[in-house]
């Protein structure tokens, strides 16, 4: 114990570590998104936009320039660290309600660590939306699906960064296969 009462200065400062992590993510970390299904372009775009708002660089197709962000262009020649792949569906369902039409949606998405070749997260969600016309019910279902899946994928990625790599993940049942 020092007579002055001062402790040993820390080797690291939180602000410096945060800056280093942000720089690493911007310059070295890359995510690729591959979604299949009828609503795939809309869901993929929602996920890419949500990841971009969180500061995660996303590999995008050169053809879909509206989803591409300028800082990511230099990273598109790099092999992605994470692969987000999945399938989405929207379909009409029969209802006994004479005034309302319903559409059901589902999404099954895996988040894969490409380096270790293992699944680090799974998002499986489904729901239903209704309206007076089938077209509007499907449009509502698509919008809710986009928002829900994008939010869940980003939350899963962020939680996987703080999880121990040896921890096992729970794999929910697949709503799209039923």
N, C-alpha and C. Protein backbone atom coordinates (compact mmCIF):
# COMPACT_ATOMS: atom_id res chain seq x y z
N UNK A 1 0.85 -1.17 0.00
CA UNK A 1 0.00 0.00 0.00
C UNK A 1 0.89 1.23 0.00
N UNK A 2 0.55 2.13 -0.89
CA UNK A 2 1.32 3.37 -0.99
C UNK A 2 0.87 4.36 0.08
N UNK A 3 1.83 5.12 0.55
CA UNK A 3 1.51 6.13 1.56
C UNK A 3 0.63 7.23 0.98
N UNK A 4 0.75 7.50 -0.31
CA UNK A 4 -0.05 8.56 -0.93
C UNK A 4 -1.51 8.15 -1.08
N UNK A 5 -1.78 6.87 -0.99
CA UNK A 5 -3.15 6.40 -1.13
C UNK A 5 -3.59 6.18 -2.57
N UNK A 6 -2.73 6.50 -3.52
CA UNK A 6 -3.10 6.30 -4.93
C UNK A 6 -2.84 4.85 -5.34
N UNK A 7 -3.69 4.37 -6.23
CA UNK A 7 -3.55 3.01 -6.70
C UNK A 7 -2.69 2.94 -7.95
N UNK A 8 -2.58 1.76 -8.46
CA UNK A 8 -1.83 1.54 -9.69
C UNK A 8 -2.73 1.95 -10.87
N UNK A 9 -2.20 2.77 -11.76
CA UNK A 9 -3.05 3.17 -12.90
C UNK A 9 -3.38 1.95 -13.78
N UNK A 10 -4.61 1.91 -14.31
CA UNK A 10 -5.01 0.77 -15.13
C UNK A 10 -4.21 0.70 -16.43
N UNK A 11 -4.01 -0.54 -16.91
CA UNK A 11 -3.28 -0.71 -18.18
C UNK A 11 -4.15 -0.31 -19.37
N UNK A 12 -5.45 -0.40 -19.20
CA UNK A 12 -6.37 -0.09 -20.30
C UNK A 12 -7.41 0.91 -19.82
N UNK A 13 -7.87 1.71 -20.74
CA UNK A 13 -8.97 2.63 -20.46
C UNK A 13 -10.17 2.19 -21.30
N UNK A 14 -11.32 2.27 -20.70
CA UNK A 14 -12.55 1.82 -21.38
C UNK A 14 -12.77 2.57 -22.68
N UNK A 15 -12.52 3.86 -22.71
CA UNK A 15 -12.74 4.64 -23.93
C UNK A 15 -11.80 4.18 -25.04
N UNK A 16 -10.55 3.84 -24.70
CA UNK A 16 -9.60 3.35 -25.71
C UNK A 16 -10.02 1.98 -26.24
N UNK A 17 -10.48 1.11 -25.35
CA UNK A 17 -10.95 -0.21 -25.78
C UNK A 17 -12.17 -0.09 -26.69
N UNK A 18 -13.07 0.81 -26.34
CA UNK A 18 -14.26 1.02 -27.16
C UNK A 18 -13.88 1.54 -28.55
N UNK A 19 -12.94 2.48 -28.61
CA UNK A 19 -12.48 3.00 -29.90
C UNK A 19 -11.82 1.91 -30.72
N UNK A 20 -11.01 1.06 -30.09
CA UNK A 20 -10.35 -0.04 -30.81
C UNK A 20 -11.37 -1.03 -31.35
N UNK A 21 -12.38 -1.35 -30.53
CA UNK A 21 -13.43 -2.27 -30.99
C UNK A 21 -14.20 -1.67 -32.16
N UNK A 22 -14.57 -0.40 -32.06
CA UNK A 22 -15.28 0.26 -33.16
C UNK A 22 -14.44 0.26 -34.44
N UNK A 23 -13.16 0.55 -34.31
CA UNK A 23 -12.26 0.56 -35.47
C UNK A 23 -12.15 -0.83 -36.07
N UNK A 24 -12.05 -1.85 -35.22
CA UNK A 24 -11.96 -3.23 -35.72
C UNK A 24 -13.21 -3.60 -36.49
N UNK A 25 -14.37 -3.29 -35.92
CA UNK A 25 -15.63 -3.64 -36.58
C UNK A 25 -15.74 -2.92 -37.92
N UNK A 26 -15.40 -1.64 -37.96
CA UNK A 26 -15.49 -0.87 -39.21
C UNK A 26 -14.51 -1.36 -40.26
N UNK A 27 -13.30 -1.75 -39.87
CA UNK A 27 -12.24 -2.04 -40.82
C UNK A 27 -12.04 -3.53 -41.10
N UNK A 28 -12.39 -4.40 -40.18
CA UNK A 28 -12.04 -5.81 -40.33
C UNK A 28 -13.22 -6.78 -40.32
N UNK A 29 -14.34 -6.39 -39.72
CA UNK A 29 -15.46 -7.30 -39.51
C UNK A 29 -16.47 -7.14 -40.64
N UNK A 30 -16.97 -8.24 -41.16
CA UNK A 30 -17.91 -8.18 -42.28
C UNK A 30 -19.00 -9.23 -42.11
N UNK A 31 -20.23 -8.84 -42.42
CA UNK A 31 -21.40 -9.71 -42.33
C UNK A 31 -21.98 -9.88 -43.72
N UNK A 32 -22.38 -11.10 -44.05
CA UNK A 32 -23.06 -11.38 -45.31
C UNK A 32 -24.48 -11.83 -45.01
N UNK A 33 -25.45 -11.36 -45.80
CA UNK A 33 -26.85 -11.70 -45.58
C UNK A 33 -27.38 -12.41 -46.83
N UNK A 34 -27.94 -13.61 -46.62
CA UNK A 34 -28.55 -14.39 -47.70
C UNK A 34 -29.90 -14.89 -47.23
N UNK A 35 -30.96 -14.33 -47.76
CA UNK A 35 -32.32 -14.72 -47.39
C UNK A 35 -33.02 -15.25 -48.63
N UNK A 36 -33.79 -16.33 -48.46
CA UNK A 36 -34.55 -16.92 -49.55
C UNK A 36 -36.04 -16.79 -49.26
N UNK A 37 -36.82 -16.84 -50.32
CA UNK A 37 -38.27 -16.79 -50.18
C UNK A 37 -38.85 -15.62 -50.98
N UNK A 38 -40.17 -15.63 -51.08
CA UNK A 38 -40.87 -14.62 -51.87
C UNK A 38 -40.61 -13.20 -51.35
N UNK A 39 -40.54 -13.03 -50.06
CA UNK A 39 -40.33 -11.71 -49.44
C UNK A 39 -38.85 -11.45 -49.14
N UNK A 40 -37.97 -12.27 -49.66
CA UNK A 40 -36.53 -12.19 -49.33
C UNK A 40 -35.90 -10.82 -49.57
N UNK A 41 -36.11 -10.16 -50.72
CA UNK A 41 -35.46 -8.87 -50.92
C UNK A 41 -35.82 -7.83 -49.85
N UNK A 42 -37.09 -7.81 -49.45
CA UNK A 42 -37.52 -6.83 -48.45
C UNK A 42 -36.93 -7.15 -47.07
N UNK A 43 -36.94 -8.42 -46.69
CA UNK A 43 -36.40 -8.82 -45.39
C UNK A 43 -34.89 -8.61 -45.37
N UNK A 44 -34.22 -8.98 -46.45
CA UNK A 44 -32.76 -8.80 -46.53
C UNK A 44 -32.41 -7.32 -46.42
N UNK A 45 -33.15 -6.48 -47.10
CA UNK A 45 -32.91 -5.03 -47.03
C UNK A 45 -33.12 -4.51 -45.61
N UNK A 46 -34.16 -4.98 -44.93
CA UNK A 46 -34.43 -4.54 -43.55
C UNK A 46 -33.29 -4.95 -42.61
N UNK A 47 -32.78 -6.17 -42.79
CA UNK A 47 -31.68 -6.65 -41.95
C UNK A 47 -30.41 -5.85 -42.23
N UNK A 48 -30.12 -5.61 -43.50
CA UNK A 48 -28.92 -4.85 -43.88
C UNK A 48 -29.00 -3.43 -43.30
N UNK A 49 -30.15 -2.80 -43.41
CA UNK A 49 -30.31 -1.44 -42.88
C UNK A 49 -30.15 -1.41 -41.36
N UNK A 50 -30.72 -2.40 -40.67
CA UNK A 50 -30.61 -2.45 -39.21
C UNK A 50 -29.16 -2.70 -38.79
N UNK A 51 -28.47 -3.59 -39.48
CA UNK A 51 -27.06 -3.84 -39.18
C UNK A 51 -26.22 -2.59 -39.43
N UNK A 52 -26.54 -1.88 -40.51
CA UNK A 52 -25.82 -0.64 -40.82
C UNK A 52 -26.01 0.41 -39.75
N UNK A 53 -27.23 0.52 -39.23
CA UNK A 53 -27.48 1.49 -38.15
C UNK A 53 -26.71 1.13 -36.88
N UNK A 54 -26.42 -0.16 -36.69
CA UNK A 54 -25.65 -0.60 -35.52
C UNK A 54 -24.14 -0.53 -35.78
N UNK A 55 -23.76 -0.13 -37.01
CA UNK A 55 -22.34 0.03 -37.31
C UNK A 55 -21.65 -1.23 -37.77
N UNK A 56 -22.40 -2.26 -38.14
CA UNK A 56 -21.80 -3.50 -38.62
C UNK A 56 -21.75 -3.49 -40.15
N UNK A 57 -20.55 -3.59 -40.73
CA UNK A 57 -20.44 -3.60 -42.19
C UNK A 57 -21.07 -4.86 -42.79
N UNK A 58 -21.80 -4.68 -43.87
CA UNK A 58 -22.54 -5.78 -44.49
C UNK A 58 -22.10 -5.93 -45.93
N UNK A 59 -21.85 -7.18 -46.33
CA UNK A 59 -21.53 -7.47 -47.73
C UNK A 59 -22.84 -7.42 -48.50
N UNK A 60 -22.88 -6.62 -49.54
CA UNK A 60 -24.08 -6.49 -50.35
C UNK A 60 -23.76 -6.84 -51.79
N UNK A 61 -24.80 -7.20 -52.52
CA UNK A 61 -24.62 -7.43 -53.95
C UNK A 61 -24.31 -6.11 -54.63
N UNK A 62 -23.46 -6.16 -55.62
CA UNK A 62 -23.13 -4.94 -56.37
C UNK A 62 -24.37 -4.40 -57.09
N UNK A 63 -25.32 -5.30 -57.40
CA UNK A 63 -26.51 -4.87 -58.13
C UNK A 63 -27.49 -4.11 -57.26
N UNK A 64 -27.53 -4.44 -55.95
CA UNK A 64 -28.48 -3.76 -55.07
C UNK A 64 -27.81 -2.56 -54.43
N UNK A 65 -27.57 -1.55 -55.21
CA UNK A 65 -26.82 -0.39 -54.74
C UNK A 65 -27.58 0.42 -53.70
N UNK A 66 -28.91 0.33 -53.69
CA UNK A 66 -29.65 1.10 -52.71
C UNK A 66 -29.40 0.60 -51.29
N UNK A 67 -29.07 -0.68 -51.12
CA UNK A 67 -28.80 -1.23 -49.79
C UNK A 67 -27.34 -1.09 -49.41
N UNK A 68 -26.48 -0.84 -50.39
CA UNK A 68 -25.05 -0.75 -50.11
C UNK A 68 -24.69 0.59 -49.49
N UNK A 69 -23.79 0.54 -48.55
CA UNK A 69 -23.32 1.76 -47.91
C UNK A 69 -21.87 1.99 -48.31
N UNK A 70 -21.46 3.24 -48.52
CA UNK A 70 -20.13 3.55 -49.02
C UNK A 70 -18.99 2.93 -48.23
N UNK A 71 -18.96 3.00 -46.87
CA UNK A 71 -17.84 2.43 -46.15
C UNK A 71 -17.69 0.93 -46.35
N UNK A 72 -18.78 0.28 -46.75
CA UNK A 72 -18.72 -1.16 -46.90
C UNK A 72 -18.13 -1.57 -48.25
N UNK A 73 -18.04 -0.69 -49.18
CA UNK A 73 -17.59 -1.04 -50.53
C UNK A 73 -16.19 -1.64 -50.51
N UNK A 74 -15.30 -1.11 -49.71
CA UNK A 74 -13.93 -1.62 -49.65
C UNK A 74 -13.88 -3.01 -49.02
N UNK A 75 -14.85 -3.33 -48.15
CA UNK A 75 -14.85 -4.62 -47.47
C UNK A 75 -15.48 -5.73 -48.31
N UNK A 76 -16.15 -5.39 -49.41
CA UNK A 76 -16.86 -6.41 -50.16
C UNK A 76 -15.94 -7.42 -50.84
N UNK A 77 -14.64 -7.17 -50.90
CA UNK A 77 -13.71 -8.15 -51.44
C UNK A 77 -13.22 -9.09 -50.35
N UNK A 78 -13.56 -8.83 -49.11
CA UNK A 78 -13.15 -9.62 -47.96
C UNK A 78 -14.14 -10.77 -47.73
N UNK A 79 -13.66 -11.90 -47.21
CA UNK A 79 -14.54 -12.99 -46.85
C UNK A 79 -15.30 -12.61 -45.59
N UNK A 80 -16.62 -12.78 -45.57
CA UNK A 80 -17.40 -12.35 -44.40
C UNK A 80 -17.09 -13.20 -43.17
N UNK A 81 -17.15 -12.54 -42.00
CA UNK A 81 -16.93 -13.22 -40.73
C UNK A 81 -18.20 -13.92 -40.26
N UNK A 82 -19.34 -13.29 -40.49
CA UNK A 82 -20.63 -13.87 -40.12
C UNK A 82 -21.49 -14.02 -41.37
N UNK A 83 -22.22 -15.11 -41.42
CA UNK A 83 -23.18 -15.34 -42.50
C UNK A 83 -24.56 -15.42 -41.86
N UNK A 84 -25.46 -14.58 -42.35
CA UNK A 84 -26.85 -14.62 -41.92
C UNK A 84 -27.63 -15.23 -43.07
N UNK A 85 -28.15 -16.43 -42.85
CA UNK A 85 -28.89 -17.09 -43.93
C UNK A 85 -30.20 -17.62 -43.39
N UNK A 86 -31.20 -17.60 -44.27
CA UNK A 86 -32.49 -18.07 -43.82
C UNK A 86 -33.54 -18.09 -44.90
N UNK A 87 -34.73 -18.40 -44.47
CA UNK A 87 -35.87 -18.48 -45.38
C UNK A 87 -37.05 -17.77 -44.73
N UNK A 88 -37.84 -17.10 -45.55
CA UNK A 88 -39.03 -16.38 -45.08
C UNK A 88 -40.21 -16.74 -45.97
N UNK A 89 -41.41 -16.71 -45.37
CA UNK A 89 -42.63 -17.02 -46.13
C UNK A 89 -43.78 -16.16 -45.63
N UNK A 90 -44.70 -15.84 -46.53
CA UNK A 90 -45.97 -15.20 -46.20
C UNK A 90 -47.04 -15.91 -47.01
N UNK A 91 -48.14 -16.30 -46.35
CA UNK A 91 -49.21 -16.97 -47.08
C UNK A 91 -50.55 -16.64 -46.44
N UNK A 92 -51.61 -16.75 -47.25
CA UNK A 92 -52.97 -16.51 -46.77
C UNK A 92 -53.42 -17.70 -45.95
N UNK A 93 -54.22 -17.43 -44.91
CA UNK A 93 -54.78 -18.53 -44.12
C UNK A 93 -56.30 -18.40 -44.12
N UNK A 94 -56.96 -19.55 -44.02
CA UNK A 94 -58.41 -19.57 -43.97
C UNK A 94 -58.89 -19.09 -42.61
N UNK A 95 -59.96 -18.34 -42.63
CA UNK A 95 -60.49 -17.80 -41.39
C UNK A 95 -62.01 -17.92 -41.42
N UNK A 96 -62.59 -18.06 -40.25
CA UNK A 96 -64.05 -18.10 -40.15
C UNK A 96 -64.64 -16.70 -40.08
N UNK A 97 -63.79 -15.71 -40.00
CA UNK A 97 -64.23 -14.31 -39.91
C UNK A 97 -64.63 -13.82 -41.31
N UNK A 98 -65.89 -13.46 -41.53
CA UNK A 98 -66.33 -13.03 -42.88
C UNK A 98 -65.84 -11.63 -43.25
N UNK A 99 -65.42 -10.83 -42.27
CA UNK A 99 -65.02 -9.45 -42.55
C UNK A 99 -63.52 -9.25 -42.61
N UNK A 100 -62.75 -10.22 -42.18
CA UNK A 100 -61.30 -10.04 -42.09
C UNK A 100 -60.58 -11.19 -42.78
N UNK A 101 -59.49 -10.86 -43.45
CA UNK A 101 -58.64 -11.86 -44.11
C UNK A 101 -57.30 -11.85 -43.38
N UNK A 102 -56.72 -13.02 -43.18
CA UNK A 102 -55.46 -13.11 -42.44
C UNK A 102 -54.35 -13.68 -43.32
N UNK A 103 -53.14 -13.20 -43.04
CA UNK A 103 -51.94 -13.74 -43.69
C UNK A 103 -50.97 -14.13 -42.57
N UNK A 104 -50.36 -15.27 -42.71
CA UNK A 104 -49.38 -15.74 -41.73
C UNK A 104 -47.99 -15.53 -42.32
N UNK A 105 -47.03 -15.22 -41.44
CA UNK A 105 -45.64 -15.05 -41.87
C UNK A 105 -44.74 -15.88 -40.97
N UNK A 106 -43.59 -16.26 -41.49
CA UNK A 106 -42.61 -16.98 -40.68
C UNK A 106 -41.22 -16.68 -41.23
N UNK A 107 -40.25 -16.80 -40.36
CA UNK A 107 -38.86 -16.61 -40.74
C UNK A 107 -37.95 -17.49 -39.91
N UNK A 108 -37.07 -18.22 -40.56
CA UNK A 108 -36.05 -19.04 -39.90
C UNK A 108 -34.70 -18.56 -40.38
N UNK A 109 -33.90 -18.04 -39.46
CA UNK A 109 -32.61 -17.46 -39.82
C UNK A 109 -31.53 -18.01 -38.91
N UNK A 110 -30.42 -18.42 -39.51
CA UNK A 110 -29.24 -18.86 -38.76
C UNK A 110 -28.14 -17.83 -38.91
N UNK A 111 -27.39 -17.62 -37.83
CA UNK A 111 -26.23 -16.74 -37.85
C UNK A 111 -25.03 -17.64 -37.65
N UNK A 112 -24.16 -17.69 -38.66
CA UNK A 112 -23.06 -18.65 -38.68
C UNK A 112 -21.72 -17.94 -38.63
N UNK A 113 -20.87 -18.39 -37.73
CA UNK A 113 -19.49 -17.91 -37.65
C UNK A 113 -18.71 -18.65 -38.73
N UNK A 114 -18.31 -17.94 -39.79
CA UNK A 114 -17.66 -18.58 -40.94
C UNK A 114 -16.27 -19.13 -40.58
N UNK A 115 -15.57 -18.47 -39.67
CA UNK A 115 -14.23 -18.90 -39.29
C UNK A 115 -14.26 -20.23 -38.55
N UNK A 116 -15.16 -20.35 -37.59
CA UNK A 116 -15.24 -21.57 -36.77
C UNK A 116 -16.23 -22.59 -37.32
N UNK A 117 -16.97 -22.21 -38.37
CA UNK A 117 -17.96 -23.08 -38.99
C UNK A 117 -18.97 -23.59 -37.95
N UNK A 118 -19.55 -22.66 -37.19
CA UNK A 118 -20.55 -23.06 -36.21
C UNK A 118 -21.66 -22.01 -36.14
N UNK A 119 -22.82 -22.45 -35.72
CA UNK A 119 -23.97 -21.58 -35.58
C UNK A 119 -23.84 -20.83 -34.25
N UNK A 120 -23.89 -19.51 -34.31
CA UNK A 120 -23.79 -18.70 -33.09
C UNK A 120 -25.14 -18.13 -32.66
N UNK A 121 -26.14 -18.27 -33.51
CA UNK A 121 -27.47 -17.79 -33.16
C UNK A 121 -28.52 -18.24 -34.14
N UNK A 122 -29.74 -18.37 -33.65
CA UNK A 122 -30.87 -18.78 -34.48
C UNK A 122 -32.06 -17.89 -34.14
N UNK A 123 -32.74 -17.42 -35.17
CA UNK A 123 -33.95 -16.63 -35.00
C UNK A 123 -35.06 -17.33 -35.76
N UNK A 124 -36.08 -17.77 -35.04
CA UNK A 124 -37.26 -18.39 -35.65
C UNK A 124 -38.49 -17.70 -35.10
N UNK A 125 -39.18 -16.99 -35.95
CA UNK A 125 -40.34 -16.23 -35.52
C UNK A 125 -41.47 -16.41 -36.53
N UNK A 126 -42.69 -16.26 -36.04
CA UNK A 126 -43.85 -16.31 -36.93
C UNK A 126 -44.95 -15.43 -36.34
N UNK A 127 -45.95 -15.16 -37.14
CA UNK A 127 -47.06 -14.36 -36.68
C UNK A 127 -48.14 -14.29 -37.74
N UNK A 128 -49.17 -13.55 -37.44
CA UNK A 128 -50.24 -13.37 -38.42
C UNK A 128 -50.75 -11.95 -38.32
N UNK A 129 -51.17 -11.45 -39.44
CA UNK A 129 -51.72 -10.10 -39.54
C UNK A 129 -52.99 -10.17 -40.36
N UNK A 130 -53.90 -9.27 -40.07
CA UNK A 130 -55.18 -9.28 -40.77
C UNK A 130 -55.55 -7.93 -41.35
N UNK A 131 -56.43 -7.99 -42.33
CA UNK A 131 -56.98 -6.78 -42.95
C UNK A 131 -58.23 -7.20 -43.73
N UNK A 132 -58.89 -6.25 -44.35
CA UNK A 132 -60.11 -6.57 -45.09
C UNK A 132 -59.83 -7.18 -46.46
N UNK A 133 -58.63 -6.99 -46.99
CA UNK A 133 -58.26 -7.63 -48.26
C UNK A 133 -57.02 -8.50 -48.07
N UNK A 134 -56.91 -9.49 -48.91
CA UNK A 134 -55.75 -10.39 -48.85
C UNK A 134 -54.46 -9.64 -49.13
N UNK A 135 -54.50 -8.75 -50.10
CA UNK A 135 -53.30 -7.98 -50.47
C UNK A 135 -52.79 -7.15 -49.30
N UNK A 136 -53.71 -6.47 -48.61
CA UNK A 136 -53.32 -5.64 -47.46
C UNK A 136 -52.87 -6.50 -46.28
N UNK A 137 -53.49 -7.64 -46.08
CA UNK A 137 -53.08 -8.54 -44.99
C UNK A 137 -51.66 -9.03 -45.24
N UNK A 138 -51.36 -9.38 -46.49
CA UNK A 138 -50.00 -9.84 -46.83
C UNK A 138 -48.98 -8.70 -46.68
N UNK A 139 -49.39 -7.49 -47.07
CA UNK A 139 -48.48 -6.34 -46.93
C UNK A 139 -48.18 -6.06 -45.46
N UNK A 140 -49.20 -6.14 -44.61
CA UNK A 140 -48.99 -5.95 -43.17
C UNK A 140 -48.09 -7.05 -42.61
N UNK A 141 -48.36 -8.27 -43.00
CA UNK A 141 -47.56 -9.40 -42.52
C UNK A 141 -46.10 -9.23 -42.94
N UNK A 142 -45.88 -8.79 -44.15
CA UNK A 142 -44.52 -8.58 -44.64
C UNK A 142 -43.81 -7.49 -43.85
N UNK A 143 -44.50 -6.40 -43.58
CA UNK A 143 -43.89 -5.29 -42.83
C UNK A 143 -43.54 -5.70 -41.40
N UNK A 144 -44.43 -6.42 -40.74
CA UNK A 144 -44.16 -6.87 -39.37
C UNK A 144 -43.02 -7.88 -39.38
N UNK A 145 -43.01 -8.77 -40.37
CA UNK A 145 -41.93 -9.77 -40.48
C UNK A 145 -40.58 -9.08 -40.66
N UNK A 146 -40.50 -8.09 -41.52
CA UNK A 146 -39.25 -7.38 -41.75
C UNK A 146 -38.73 -6.75 -40.47
N UNK A 147 -39.58 -6.03 -39.79
CA UNK A 147 -39.19 -5.35 -38.57
C UNK A 147 -38.77 -6.33 -37.47
N UNK A 148 -39.58 -7.35 -37.26
CA UNK A 148 -39.31 -8.33 -36.21
C UNK A 148 -38.02 -9.08 -36.46
N UNK A 149 -37.85 -9.59 -37.67
CA UNK A 149 -36.65 -10.39 -37.96
C UNK A 149 -35.38 -9.54 -37.92
N UNK A 150 -35.43 -8.32 -38.45
CA UNK A 150 -34.24 -7.46 -38.43
C UNK A 150 -33.84 -7.15 -36.99
N UNK A 151 -34.81 -6.82 -36.16
CA UNK A 151 -34.53 -6.51 -34.76
C UNK A 151 -33.97 -7.73 -34.03
N UNK A 152 -34.57 -8.89 -34.23
CA UNK A 152 -34.12 -10.11 -33.55
C UNK A 152 -32.72 -10.55 -34.02
N UNK A 153 -32.44 -10.42 -35.31
CA UNK A 153 -31.12 -10.80 -35.83
C UNK A 153 -30.04 -9.93 -35.22
N UNK A 154 -30.24 -8.63 -35.20
CA UNK A 154 -29.24 -7.72 -34.62
C UNK A 154 -29.06 -8.00 -33.14
N UNK A 155 -30.16 -8.20 -32.41
CA UNK A 155 -30.06 -8.50 -30.98
C UNK A 155 -29.30 -9.80 -30.74
N UNK A 156 -29.53 -10.79 -31.57
CA UNK A 156 -28.83 -12.08 -31.43
C UNK A 156 -27.35 -11.93 -31.71
N UNK A 157 -27.00 -11.15 -32.74
CA UNK A 157 -25.58 -10.93 -33.04
C UNK A 157 -24.90 -10.21 -31.89
N UNK A 158 -25.51 -9.16 -31.39
CA UNK A 158 -24.90 -8.39 -30.31
C UNK A 158 -24.78 -9.22 -29.03
N UNK A 159 -25.76 -10.06 -28.74
CA UNK A 159 -25.64 -10.91 -27.55
C UNK A 159 -24.61 -12.00 -27.74
N UNK A 160 -24.41 -12.46 -28.98
CA UNK A 160 -23.42 -13.51 -29.21
C UNK A 160 -22.00 -12.98 -29.05
N UNK A 161 -21.81 -11.68 -29.21
CA UNK A 161 -20.48 -11.10 -29.04
C UNK A 161 -20.05 -11.14 -27.58
N UNK A 162 -21.00 -11.09 -26.65
CA UNK A 162 -20.65 -11.10 -25.24
C UNK A 162 -20.75 -12.48 -24.61
N UNK A 163 -21.20 -13.45 -25.38
CA UNK A 163 -21.37 -14.81 -24.85
C UNK A 163 -20.06 -15.59 -24.98
N UNK A 164 -19.85 -16.52 -24.07
CA UNK A 164 -18.69 -17.40 -24.13
C UNK A 164 -18.83 -18.31 -25.36
N UNK A 165 -17.79 -18.44 -26.20
CA UNK A 165 -17.90 -19.25 -27.41
C UNK A 165 -18.26 -20.71 -27.17
N UNK A 166 -17.97 -21.24 -25.98
CA UNK A 166 -18.27 -22.64 -25.70
C UNK A 166 -19.71 -22.85 -25.24
N UNK A 167 -20.44 -21.75 -24.93
CA UNK A 167 -21.84 -21.86 -24.51
C UNK A 167 -22.67 -22.40 -25.66
N UNK A 168 -23.57 -23.32 -25.34
CA UNK A 168 -24.45 -23.85 -26.39
C UNK A 168 -25.65 -22.92 -26.54
N UNK A 169 -26.21 -22.92 -27.73
CA UNK A 169 -27.39 -22.08 -27.98
C UNK A 169 -28.60 -22.99 -28.11
N UNK A 170 -29.74 -22.46 -27.75
CA UNK A 170 -30.98 -23.23 -27.91
C UNK A 170 -31.51 -22.98 -29.32
N UNK A 171 -31.91 -24.05 -29.96
CA UNK A 171 -32.44 -23.94 -31.32
C UNK A 171 -33.95 -24.13 -31.25
N UNK A 172 -34.70 -23.06 -31.52
CA UNK A 172 -36.16 -23.15 -31.45
C UNK A 172 -36.72 -23.97 -32.60
N UNK A 173 -37.96 -24.43 -32.42
CA UNK A 173 -38.60 -25.14 -33.52
C UNK A 173 -38.83 -24.19 -34.69
N UNK A 174 -38.89 -24.75 -35.86
CA UNK A 174 -38.97 -23.95 -37.08
C UNK A 174 -40.42 -23.70 -37.47
N UNK A 175 -40.88 -22.44 -37.39
CA UNK A 175 -42.26 -22.17 -37.78
C UNK A 175 -42.48 -22.26 -39.28
N UNK A 176 -41.44 -22.13 -40.08
CA UNK A 176 -41.62 -22.18 -41.53
C UNK A 176 -41.78 -23.60 -42.05
N UNK A 177 -41.40 -24.59 -41.28
CA UNK A 177 -41.49 -25.97 -41.75
C UNK A 177 -42.81 -26.62 -41.39
N UNK A 178 -43.58 -25.98 -40.51
CA UNK A 178 -44.86 -26.59 -40.11
C UNK A 178 -45.97 -26.18 -41.01
